[in-house]
Amino acid sequence: MSTTAFRGAWTEAEVDAFLREVTIPVRLATRRPDGSPWLVTLWYRYRDGAFECATGANADVVRFLRGDPEVAFDVSTNRPPYRGVRGNGTASLSPDRGKATLRDLIERYLDGTDSPLAERLLDDDREEVRIRVEPAVIHSWDYTERMSAPRSDERGDGEGGSGAGDDGSGPGDGGDANDEAG
């Protein structure tokens, strides 16, 4: 049973389906040793209610997570209609033995290991670390309906309109009850 709090537009099952289906990298935020924010984009797989990523053992994000495992994350579409999930949780680090996580991610994002990038990432001299993020809160949002609604000028009422919603709000401006902070 998940201890994650699910909020927003989608059910837990819909969040799970979205995170398994899309191949949009996760944007993972942590803190640097001086307390300033740090954001990195990583390939992920969503398994057993957690994000699993792989990165080089010497990556800055590994060092930062060792100092502070609290993270925020975002997986959202880059083109309309905008939809996605964001939240916060705790990251843990472990060796990626045999590069099993990395291999799965290469299959997921590159459709196979037969490419120069895959070969470079799988090089025996490259040590990998698995990052597992256990979400505390996942907040979902989906602007599909309001972004596909006809604009008021398309309805023939002569009023014009932004196409983003009757209140003129657009994604991320707080105009949607489902767009509260996660």
N, C-alpha and C. Protein backbone atom coordinates (compact mmCIF):
# COMPACT_ATOMS: atom_id res chain seq x y z
N MET A 1 0.84 -1.19 0.00
CA MET A 1 0.00 0.00 0.00
C MET A 1 0.88 1.25 0.00
N SER A 2 0.53 2.20 -0.82
CA SER A 2 1.31 3.42 -0.97
C SER A 2 1.08 4.37 0.21
N THR A 3 2.15 5.02 0.65
CA THR A 3 2.03 6.06 1.68
C THR A 3 2.05 7.44 1.04
N THR A 4 2.05 7.48 -0.27
CA THR A 4 2.06 8.74 -1.01
C THR A 4 0.68 9.37 -0.97
N ALA A 5 0.62 10.68 -0.75
CA ALA A 5 -0.63 11.42 -0.84
C ALA A 5 -0.81 11.86 -2.29
N PHE A 6 -1.93 11.47 -2.88
CA PHE A 6 -2.23 11.83 -4.26
C PHE A 6 -3.26 12.95 -4.26
N ARG A 7 -2.94 14.04 -4.96
CA ARG A 7 -3.81 15.20 -5.03
C ARG A 7 -3.94 15.63 -6.49
N GLY A 8 -5.01 16.33 -6.78
CA GLY A 8 -5.15 16.91 -8.10
C GLY A 8 -6.14 16.20 -8.99
N ALA A 9 -5.91 16.29 -10.28
CA ALA A 9 -6.87 15.88 -11.30
C ALA A 9 -7.01 14.37 -11.47
N TRP A 10 -5.98 13.60 -11.16
CA TRP A 10 -5.97 12.19 -11.50
C TRP A 10 -6.01 11.29 -10.27
N THR A 11 -6.51 10.09 -10.49
CA THR A 11 -6.47 9.06 -9.46
C THR A 11 -5.05 8.49 -9.39
N GLU A 12 -4.80 7.71 -8.37
CA GLU A 12 -3.49 7.05 -8.25
C GLU A 12 -3.22 6.18 -9.47
N ALA A 13 -4.23 5.47 -9.95
CA ALA A 13 -4.06 4.61 -11.13
C ALA A 13 -3.74 5.44 -12.38
N GLU A 14 -4.35 6.61 -12.52
CA GLU A 14 -4.08 7.47 -13.67
C GLU A 14 -2.66 8.05 -13.60
N VAL A 15 -2.23 8.42 -12.40
CA VAL A 15 -0.85 8.90 -12.22
C VAL A 15 0.12 7.79 -12.61
N ASP A 16 -0.13 6.59 -12.11
CA ASP A 16 0.73 5.45 -12.41
C ASP A 16 0.81 5.22 -13.92
N ALA A 17 -0.33 5.24 -14.60
CA ALA A 17 -0.35 5.01 -16.05
C ALA A 17 0.43 6.11 -16.78
N PHE A 18 0.22 7.36 -16.41
CA PHE A 18 0.93 8.47 -17.05
C PHE A 18 2.44 8.31 -16.89
N LEU A 19 2.89 8.05 -15.67
CA LEU A 19 4.33 7.96 -15.41
C LEU A 19 4.98 6.76 -16.09
N ARG A 20 4.22 5.71 -16.31
CA ARG A 20 4.76 4.53 -17.00
C ARG A 20 4.76 4.71 -18.51
N GLU A 21 3.80 5.47 -19.03
CA GLU A 21 3.64 5.60 -20.48
C GLU A 21 4.53 6.68 -21.11
N VAL A 22 4.65 7.83 -20.47
CA VAL A 22 5.41 8.92 -21.09
C VAL A 22 6.91 8.70 -20.94
N THR A 23 7.63 9.18 -21.92
CA THR A 23 9.10 9.11 -21.84
C THR A 23 9.67 10.52 -21.76
N ILE A 24 9.05 11.29 -20.90
CA ILE A 24 9.52 12.64 -20.58
C ILE A 24 10.45 12.48 -19.38
N PRO A 25 11.64 13.01 -19.41
CA PRO A 25 12.51 12.90 -18.23
C PRO A 25 11.91 13.62 -17.02
N VAL A 26 12.30 13.16 -15.85
CA VAL A 26 11.89 13.81 -14.60
C VAL A 26 12.82 14.99 -14.34
N ARG A 27 12.26 16.09 -13.90
CA ARG A 27 13.04 17.23 -13.44
C ARG A 27 13.12 17.09 -11.92
N LEU A 28 14.32 16.92 -11.42
CA LEU A 28 14.54 16.64 -10.00
C LEU A 28 15.26 17.82 -9.36
N ALA A 29 14.65 18.38 -8.33
CA ALA A 29 15.23 19.52 -7.63
C ALA A 29 15.74 19.09 -6.26
N THR A 30 16.91 19.56 -5.91
CA THR A 30 17.51 19.32 -4.61
C THR A 30 18.22 20.60 -4.18
N ARG A 31 18.95 20.51 -3.07
CA ARG A 31 19.68 21.68 -2.60
C ARG A 31 21.18 21.44 -2.67
N ARG A 32 21.89 22.49 -3.04
CA ARG A 32 23.36 22.45 -3.02
C ARG A 32 23.81 22.65 -1.57
N PRO A 33 25.08 22.36 -1.27
CA PRO A 33 25.56 22.53 0.11
C PRO A 33 25.36 23.94 0.68
N ASP A 34 25.35 24.96 -0.19
CA ASP A 34 25.14 26.33 0.30
C ASP A 34 23.66 26.67 0.48
N GLY A 35 22.78 25.69 0.23
CA GLY A 35 21.34 25.89 0.41
C GLY A 35 20.61 26.35 -0.83
N SER A 36 21.33 26.71 -1.88
CA SER A 36 20.67 27.16 -3.10
C SER A 36 20.07 25.97 -3.85
N PRO A 37 19.00 26.19 -4.61
CA PRO A 37 18.36 25.09 -5.33
C PRO A 37 19.20 24.60 -6.50
N TRP A 38 19.01 23.34 -6.84
CA TRP A 38 19.69 22.70 -7.97
C TRP A 38 18.64 21.87 -8.70
N LEU A 39 18.60 21.97 -10.01
CA LEU A 39 17.64 21.23 -10.81
C LEU A 39 18.38 20.43 -11.85
N VAL A 40 18.03 19.16 -11.97
CA VAL A 40 18.65 18.28 -12.95
C VAL A 40 17.54 17.48 -13.65
N THR A 41 17.76 17.17 -14.89
CA THR A 41 16.81 16.37 -15.67
C THR A 41 17.40 14.98 -15.84
N LEU A 42 16.61 13.96 -15.49
CA LEU A 42 17.08 12.57 -15.53
C LEU A 42 16.05 11.66 -16.16
N TRP A 43 16.53 10.62 -16.84
CA TRP A 43 15.64 9.55 -17.26
C TRP A 43 15.16 8.84 -16.00
N TYR A 44 13.95 8.29 -16.07
CA TYR A 44 13.41 7.57 -14.91
C TYR A 44 12.57 6.38 -15.38
N ARG A 45 12.34 5.50 -14.43
CA ARG A 45 11.27 4.51 -14.56
C ARG A 45 10.46 4.64 -13.28
N TYR A 46 9.17 4.38 -13.38
CA TYR A 46 8.29 4.46 -12.22
C TYR A 46 7.90 3.04 -11.87
N ARG A 47 8.34 2.62 -10.70
CA ARG A 47 8.16 1.22 -10.30
C ARG A 47 7.82 1.17 -8.82
N ASP A 48 6.78 0.42 -8.48
CA ASP A 48 6.38 0.24 -7.08
C ASP A 48 6.19 1.58 -6.38
N GLY A 49 5.61 2.54 -7.08
CA GLY A 49 5.29 3.83 -6.48
C GLY A 49 6.47 4.76 -6.27
N ALA A 50 7.59 4.49 -6.93
CA ALA A 50 8.78 5.33 -6.76
C ALA A 50 9.44 5.57 -8.12
N PHE A 51 10.15 6.69 -8.20
CA PHE A 51 10.97 7.00 -9.38
C PHE A 51 12.34 6.37 -9.18
N GLU A 52 12.86 5.74 -10.23
CA GLU A 52 14.22 5.21 -10.20
C GLU A 52 14.98 5.81 -11.37
N CYS A 53 16.12 6.40 -11.05
CA CYS A 53 16.98 7.05 -12.04
C CYS A 53 18.38 6.47 -11.90
N ALA A 54 19.22 6.73 -12.87
CA ALA A 54 20.63 6.34 -12.79
C ALA A 54 21.46 7.52 -13.27
N THR A 55 22.60 7.68 -12.63
CA THR A 55 23.53 8.74 -13.04
C THR A 55 24.93 8.34 -12.64
N GLY A 56 25.90 9.01 -13.20
CA GLY A 56 27.29 8.73 -12.87
C GLY A 56 27.57 8.98 -11.39
N ALA A 57 28.40 8.15 -10.80
CA ALA A 57 28.71 8.24 -9.38
C ALA A 57 29.33 9.58 -9.00
N ASN A 58 29.96 10.25 -9.94
CA ASN A 58 30.61 11.53 -9.66
C ASN A 58 29.73 12.74 -10.00
N ALA A 59 28.48 12.51 -10.35
CA ALA A 59 27.59 13.62 -10.72
C ALA A 59 27.31 14.52 -9.51
N ASP A 60 27.17 15.81 -9.78
CA ASP A 60 26.86 16.76 -8.71
C ASP A 60 25.63 16.36 -7.92
N VAL A 61 24.58 15.90 -8.60
CA VAL A 61 23.34 15.56 -7.91
C VAL A 61 23.56 14.48 -6.86
N VAL A 62 24.47 13.56 -7.10
CA VAL A 62 24.77 12.50 -6.12
C VAL A 62 25.34 13.12 -4.86
N ARG A 63 26.28 14.01 -5.03
CA ARG A 63 26.89 14.69 -3.88
C ARG A 63 25.84 15.50 -3.12
N PHE A 64 24.99 16.20 -3.84
CA PHE A 64 23.97 17.03 -3.20
C PHE A 64 22.96 16.18 -2.44
N LEU A 65 22.57 15.04 -3.01
CA LEU A 65 21.61 14.17 -2.34
C LEU A 65 22.21 13.50 -1.10
N ARG A 66 23.50 13.26 -1.12
CA ARG A 66 24.14 12.72 0.09
C ARG A 66 24.04 13.73 1.24
N GLY A 67 24.09 15.01 0.91
CA GLY A 67 23.99 16.05 1.93
C GLY A 67 22.57 16.34 2.37
N ASP A 68 21.61 16.16 1.45
CA ASP A 68 20.21 16.47 1.74
C ASP A 68 19.34 15.65 0.80
N PRO A 69 18.68 14.60 1.31
CA PRO A 69 17.91 13.71 0.44
C PRO A 69 16.51 14.21 0.07
N GLU A 70 16.11 15.36 0.60
CA GLU A 70 14.78 15.88 0.28
C GLU A 70 14.78 16.47 -1.13
N VAL A 71 13.77 16.11 -1.92
CA VAL A 71 13.70 16.54 -3.32
C VAL A 71 12.30 17.01 -3.68
N ALA A 72 12.22 17.72 -4.78
CA ALA A 72 10.96 18.01 -5.47
C ALA A 72 11.13 17.49 -6.89
N PHE A 73 10.02 17.20 -7.55
CA PHE A 73 10.11 16.63 -8.90
C PHE A 73 8.95 17.13 -9.75
N ASP A 74 9.15 16.99 -11.07
CA ASP A 74 8.13 17.37 -12.04
C ASP A 74 8.31 16.49 -13.27
N VAL A 75 7.21 15.92 -13.74
CA VAL A 75 7.16 15.24 -15.04
C VAL A 75 5.94 15.83 -15.73
N SER A 76 6.17 16.65 -16.76
CA SER A 76 5.05 17.30 -17.43
C SER A 76 5.34 17.44 -18.91
N THR A 77 4.26 17.47 -19.66
CA THR A 77 4.39 17.60 -21.11
C THR A 77 4.91 18.98 -21.46
N ASN A 78 5.63 19.06 -22.56
CA ASN A 78 6.20 20.32 -23.01
C ASN A 78 5.37 21.00 -24.08
N ARG A 79 4.34 20.33 -24.56
CA ARG A 79 3.47 20.88 -25.60
C ARG A 79 2.02 20.78 -25.14
N PRO A 80 1.20 21.71 -25.58
CA PRO A 80 -0.22 21.66 -25.23
C PRO A 80 -0.88 20.40 -25.76
N PRO A 81 -1.87 19.91 -25.11
CA PRO A 81 -2.39 20.39 -23.83
C PRO A 81 -1.48 19.95 -22.68
N TYR A 82 -1.16 20.88 -21.79
CA TYR A 82 -0.24 20.60 -20.70
C TYR A 82 -0.89 19.70 -19.65
N ARG A 83 -0.11 18.76 -19.17
CA ARG A 83 -0.56 17.85 -18.12
C ARG A 83 0.66 17.24 -17.48
N GLY A 84 0.52 16.75 -16.28
CA GLY A 84 1.66 16.13 -15.63
C GLY A 84 1.49 15.97 -14.14
N VAL A 85 2.61 15.69 -13.50
CA VAL A 85 2.65 15.52 -12.05
C VAL A 85 3.84 16.27 -11.48
N ARG A 86 3.70 16.69 -10.25
CA ARG A 86 4.81 17.28 -9.51
C ARG A 86 4.63 16.87 -8.06
N GLY A 87 5.67 17.01 -7.29
CA GLY A 87 5.56 16.66 -5.89
C GLY A 87 6.88 16.75 -5.17
N ASN A 88 6.92 16.12 -4.03
CA ASN A 88 8.13 16.10 -3.23
C ASN A 88 8.28 14.74 -2.57
N GLY A 89 9.51 14.45 -2.15
CA GLY A 89 9.78 13.17 -1.52
C GLY A 89 11.20 13.10 -1.03
N THR A 90 11.64 11.87 -0.80
CA THR A 90 12.97 11.61 -0.27
C THR A 90 13.71 10.68 -1.22
N ALA A 91 14.96 11.04 -1.51
CA ALA A 91 15.79 10.23 -2.41
C ALA A 91 16.75 9.38 -1.60
N SER A 92 17.01 8.19 -2.12
CA SER A 92 18.06 7.34 -1.56
C SER A 92 18.99 6.93 -2.69
N LEU A 93 20.23 6.67 -2.35
CA LEU A 93 21.26 6.31 -3.32
C LEU A 93 21.76 4.91 -3.06
N SER A 94 22.04 4.19 -4.14
CA SER A 94 22.64 2.86 -4.03
C SER A 94 23.43 2.59 -5.30
N PRO A 95 24.41 1.68 -5.24
CA PRO A 95 25.13 1.32 -6.46
C PRO A 95 24.17 0.71 -7.48
N ASP A 96 24.35 1.02 -8.74
CA ASP A 96 23.55 0.41 -9.81
C ASP A 96 24.31 -0.83 -10.28
N ARG A 97 24.19 -1.90 -9.52
CA ARG A 97 24.92 -3.14 -9.77
C ARG A 97 24.62 -3.69 -11.16
N GLY A 98 25.67 -3.93 -11.91
CA GLY A 98 25.51 -4.43 -13.27
C GLY A 98 24.83 -3.44 -14.19
N LYS A 99 24.67 -2.21 -13.71
CA LYS A 99 24.00 -1.16 -14.47
C LYS A 99 22.59 -1.57 -14.90
N ALA A 100 21.93 -2.34 -14.04
CA ALA A 100 20.59 -2.84 -14.36
C ALA A 100 19.59 -1.71 -14.55
N THR A 101 19.61 -0.72 -13.66
CA THR A 101 18.69 0.41 -13.80
C THR A 101 19.01 1.19 -15.07
N LEU A 102 20.28 1.48 -15.27
CA LEU A 102 20.69 2.22 -16.46
C LEU A 102 20.28 1.48 -17.74
N ARG A 103 20.48 0.17 -17.78
CA ARG A 103 20.08 -0.60 -18.97
C ARG A 103 18.58 -0.46 -19.24
N ASP A 104 17.77 -0.57 -18.18
CA ASP A 104 16.33 -0.41 -18.34
C ASP A 104 15.99 0.99 -18.87
N LEU A 105 16.67 2.00 -18.37
CA LEU A 105 16.41 3.37 -18.81
C LEU A 105 16.83 3.58 -20.26
N ILE A 106 17.94 2.99 -20.65
CA ILE A 106 18.38 3.08 -22.05
C ILE A 106 17.35 2.41 -22.96
N GLU A 107 16.85 1.26 -22.57
CA GLU A 107 15.80 0.59 -23.35
C GLU A 107 14.56 1.48 -23.45
N ARG A 108 14.18 2.08 -22.34
CA ARG A 108 12.97 2.92 -22.28
C ARG A 108 13.11 4.18 -23.14
N TYR A 109 14.24 4.86 -23.05
CA TYR A 109 14.40 6.16 -23.71
C TYR A 109 15.07 6.09 -25.08
N LEU A 110 15.90 5.09 -25.33
CA LEU A 110 16.60 4.99 -26.62
C LEU A 110 16.14 3.80 -27.45
N ASP A 111 15.21 3.01 -26.93
CA ASP A 111 14.70 1.83 -27.62
C ASP A 111 15.79 0.82 -27.94
N GLY A 112 16.77 0.69 -27.06
CA GLY A 112 17.81 -0.31 -27.26
C GLY A 112 19.18 0.21 -26.89
N THR A 113 20.12 -0.71 -26.81
CA THR A 113 21.47 -0.36 -26.38
C THR A 113 22.45 -0.24 -27.55
N ASP A 114 21.92 -0.27 -28.77
CA ASP A 114 22.78 -0.22 -29.95
C ASP A 114 22.89 1.20 -30.49
N SER A 115 23.60 2.04 -29.74
CA SER A 115 23.85 3.42 -30.19
C SER A 115 25.13 3.89 -29.52
N PRO A 116 25.79 4.88 -30.11
CA PRO A 116 27.01 5.40 -29.49
C PRO A 116 26.77 5.92 -28.07
N LEU A 117 25.62 6.57 -27.84
CA LEU A 117 25.32 7.08 -26.50
C LEU A 117 25.17 5.92 -25.51
N ALA A 118 24.42 4.91 -25.89
CA ALA A 118 24.25 3.75 -25.00
C ALA A 118 25.59 3.09 -24.70
N GLU A 119 26.40 2.93 -25.72
CA GLU A 119 27.72 2.31 -25.51
C GLU A 119 28.57 3.13 -24.55
N ARG A 120 28.53 4.45 -24.70
CA ARG A 120 29.31 5.31 -23.80
C ARG A 120 28.79 5.21 -22.36
N LEU A 121 27.49 5.23 -22.20
CA LEU A 121 26.91 5.15 -20.86
C LEU A 121 27.17 3.81 -20.19
N LEU A 122 27.21 2.75 -20.98
CA LEU A 122 27.41 1.40 -20.44
C LEU A 122 28.88 1.01 -20.33
N ASP A 123 29.78 1.91 -20.65
CA ASP A 123 31.22 1.63 -20.57
C ASP A 123 31.58 1.09 -19.19
N ASP A 124 32.41 0.05 -19.16
CA ASP A 124 32.80 -0.59 -17.90
C ASP A 124 33.49 0.36 -16.93
N ASP A 125 34.16 1.38 -17.45
CA ASP A 125 34.87 2.33 -16.59
C ASP A 125 33.95 3.35 -15.93
N ARG A 126 32.71 3.39 -16.32
CA ARG A 126 31.77 4.37 -15.79
C ARG A 126 30.98 3.74 -14.64
N GLU A 127 31.12 4.28 -13.45
CA GLU A 127 30.39 3.79 -12.28
C GLU A 127 29.04 4.51 -12.19
N GLU A 128 27.99 3.75 -12.01
CA GLU A 128 26.64 4.30 -11.95
C GLU A 128 26.05 4.19 -10.54
N VAL A 129 25.19 5.14 -10.22
CA VAL A 129 24.46 5.16 -8.97
C VAL A 129 22.97 5.18 -9.30
N ARG A 130 22.21 4.42 -8.54
CA ARG A 130 20.75 4.44 -8.68
C ARG A 130 20.19 5.45 -7.68
N ILE A 131 19.32 6.32 -8.17
CA ILE A 131 18.60 7.26 -7.32
C ILE A 131 17.15 6.78 -7.26
N ARG A 132 16.67 6.52 -6.06
CA ARG A 132 15.27 6.11 -5.88
C ARG A 132 14.57 7.21 -5.09
N VAL A 133 13.51 7.75 -5.68
CA VAL A 133 12.74 8.81 -5.04
C VAL A 133 11.41 8.24 -4.58
N GLU A 134 11.20 8.26 -3.27
CA GLU A 134 9.94 7.84 -2.66
C GLU A 134 9.09 9.09 -2.48
N PRO A 135 8.04 9.26 -3.29
CA PRO A 135 7.24 10.48 -3.17
C PRO A 135 6.42 10.51 -1.88
N ALA A 136 6.38 11.68 -1.26
CA ALA A 136 5.48 11.91 -0.13
C ALA A 136 4.14 12.43 -0.66
N VAL A 137 4.23 13.33 -1.65
CA VAL A 137 3.05 13.93 -2.28
C VAL A 137 3.25 13.92 -3.78
N ILE A 138 2.20 13.51 -4.50
CA ILE A 138 2.16 13.66 -5.96
C ILE A 138 0.91 14.45 -6.29
N HIS A 139 1.11 15.58 -6.94
CA HIS A 139 0.00 16.44 -7.36
C HIS A 139 -0.08 16.37 -8.89
N SER A 140 -1.24 15.99 -9.41
CA SER A 140 -1.42 15.89 -10.86
C SER A 140 -2.27 17.05 -11.36
N TRP A 141 -2.05 17.40 -12.61
CA TRP A 141 -2.88 18.40 -13.25
C TRP A 141 -3.03 18.02 -14.71
N ASP A 142 -4.13 18.47 -15.32
CA ASP A 142 -4.41 18.15 -16.71
C ASP A 142 -5.25 19.28 -17.31
N TYR A 143 -4.66 20.01 -18.24
CA TYR A 143 -5.34 21.13 -18.89
C TYR A 143 -5.96 20.71 -20.22
N THR A 144 -6.04 19.41 -20.49
CA THR A 144 -6.55 18.95 -21.78
C THR A 144 -7.91 19.53 -22.10
N GLU A 145 -8.85 19.43 -21.16
CA GLU A 145 -10.21 19.88 -21.44
C GLU A 145 -10.27 21.38 -21.67
N ARG A 146 -9.67 22.15 -20.79
CA ARG A 146 -9.81 23.60 -20.94
C ARG A 146 -8.98 24.14 -22.10
N MET A 147 -7.92 23.46 -22.49
CA MET A 147 -7.13 23.94 -23.62
C MET A 147 -7.73 23.53 -24.95
N SER A 148 -8.63 22.55 -24.93
CA SER A 148 -9.26 22.13 -26.18
C SER A 148 -10.66 22.73 -26.32
N ALA A 149 -11.13 23.47 -25.30
CA ALA A 149 -12.43 24.12 -25.39
C ALA A 149 -12.38 25.20 -26.46
N PRO A 150 -13.45 25.36 -27.21
CA PRO A 150 -13.44 26.39 -28.25
C PRO A 150 -13.32 27.78 -27.63
N ARG A 151 -12.55 28.64 -28.31
CA ARG A 151 -12.43 30.02 -27.87
C ARG A 151 -13.76 30.72 -28.07
N SER A 152 -14.01 31.74 -27.28
CA SER A 152 -15.30 32.41 -27.39
C SER A 152 -15.51 33.01 -28.78
N ASP A 153 -14.44 33.47 -29.45
CA ASP A 153 -14.63 34.01 -30.80
C ASP A 153 -14.93 32.91 -31.80
N GLU A 154 -14.57 31.67 -31.47
CA GLU A 154 -14.90 30.54 -32.34
C GLU A 154 -16.33 30.07 -32.10
N ARG A 155 -16.90 30.46 -30.95
CA ARG A 155 -18.28 30.08 -30.65
C ARG A 155 -19.26 31.03 -31.32
N GLY A 156 -18.74 32.12 -31.88
CA GLY A 156 -19.61 33.04 -32.59
C GLY A 156 -20.27 34.08 -31.71
N ASP A 157 -19.80 34.26 -30.45
CA ASP A 157 -20.42 35.26 -29.59
C ASP A 157 -19.75 36.62 -29.69
N GLY A 158 -18.68 36.72 -30.51
CA GLY A 158 -18.03 37.99 -30.76
C GLY A 158 -17.21 38.54 -29.62
N GLU A 159 -17.08 37.82 -28.55
CA GLU A 159 -16.37 38.31 -27.38
C GLU A 159 -14.87 38.08 -27.44
N GLY A 160 -14.38 37.31 -28.38
CA GLY A 160 -12.94 36.98 -28.39
C GLY A 160 -12.66 36.01 -27.27
N GLY A 161 -11.42 35.95 -26.83
CA GLY A 161 -11.08 35.07 -25.72
C GLY A 161 -9.70 34.54 -25.87
N SER A 162 -9.19 34.06 -24.80
CA SER A 162 -7.81 33.57 -24.78
C SER A 162 -7.69 32.12 -25.20
N GLY A 163 -8.80 31.38 -25.14
CA GLY A 163 -8.73 29.96 -25.44
C GLY A 163 -8.25 29.14 -24.28
N ALA A 164 -7.82 29.78 -23.20
CA ALA A 164 -7.29 29.05 -22.06
C ALA A 164 -8.36 28.74 -21.04
N GLY A 165 -9.47 29.42 -21.07
CA GLY A 165 -10.54 29.21 -20.11
C GLY A 165 -11.39 30.47 -20.05
N ASP A 166 -12.60 30.35 -19.55
CA ASP A 166 -13.50 31.49 -19.52
C ASP A 166 -12.96 32.65 -18.70
N ASP A 167 -12.11 32.37 -17.72
CA ASP A 167 -11.56 33.45 -16.89
C ASP A 167 -10.30 34.05 -17.49
N GLY A 168 -9.87 33.58 -18.68
CA GLY A 168 -8.69 34.10 -19.33
C GLY A 168 -7.39 33.58 -18.76
N SER A 169 -7.50 32.66 -17.82
CA SER A 169 -6.28 32.15 -17.20
C SER A 169 -5.61 31.13 -18.09
N GLY A 170 -4.34 30.99 -17.92
CA GLY A 170 -3.57 30.01 -18.67
C GLY A 170 -2.87 29.07 -17.73
N PRO A 171 -2.18 28.07 -18.25
CA PRO A 171 -1.49 27.10 -17.42
C PRO A 171 -0.52 27.76 -16.46
N GLY A 172 -0.58 27.33 -15.23
CA GLY A 172 0.40 27.75 -14.25
C GLY A 172 0.16 29.11 -13.63
N ASP A 173 -0.97 29.77 -13.96
CA ASP A 173 -1.19 31.09 -13.40
C ASP A 173 -2.11 31.07 -12.19
N GLY A 174 -2.46 29.89 -11.73
CA GLY A 174 -3.31 29.78 -10.56
C GLY A 174 -4.78 29.86 -10.87
N GLY A 175 -5.16 29.90 -12.14
CA GLY A 175 -6.55 30.03 -12.51
C GLY A 175 -7.33 28.73 -12.46
N ASP A 176 -6.72 27.64 -12.10
CA ASP A 176 -7.37 26.34 -12.06
C ASP A 176 -7.32 25.82 -10.63
N ALA A 177 -8.46 25.38 -10.13
CA ALA A 177 -8.50 24.85 -8.77
C ALA A 177 -7.57 23.67 -8.60
N ASN A 178 -7.27 22.97 -9.68
CA ASN A 178 -6.36 21.83 -9.60
C ASN A 178 -4.91 22.26 -9.66
N ASP A 179 -4.63 23.54 -9.78
CA ASP A 179 -3.26 24.03 -9.92
C ASP A 179 -2.75 24.67 -8.64
N GLU A 180 -3.05 24.03 -7.51
CA GLU A 180 -2.51 24.54 -6.26
C GLU A 180 -1.16 23.92 -6.00
N ALA A 181 -0.39 24.53 -5.17
CA ALA A 181 0.97 24.03 -4.88
C ALA A 181 0.90 22.63 -4.34
N GLY A 182 1.83 21.77 -4.83
CA GLY A 182 1.86 20.36 -4.42
C GLY A 182 2.65 20.17 -3.26
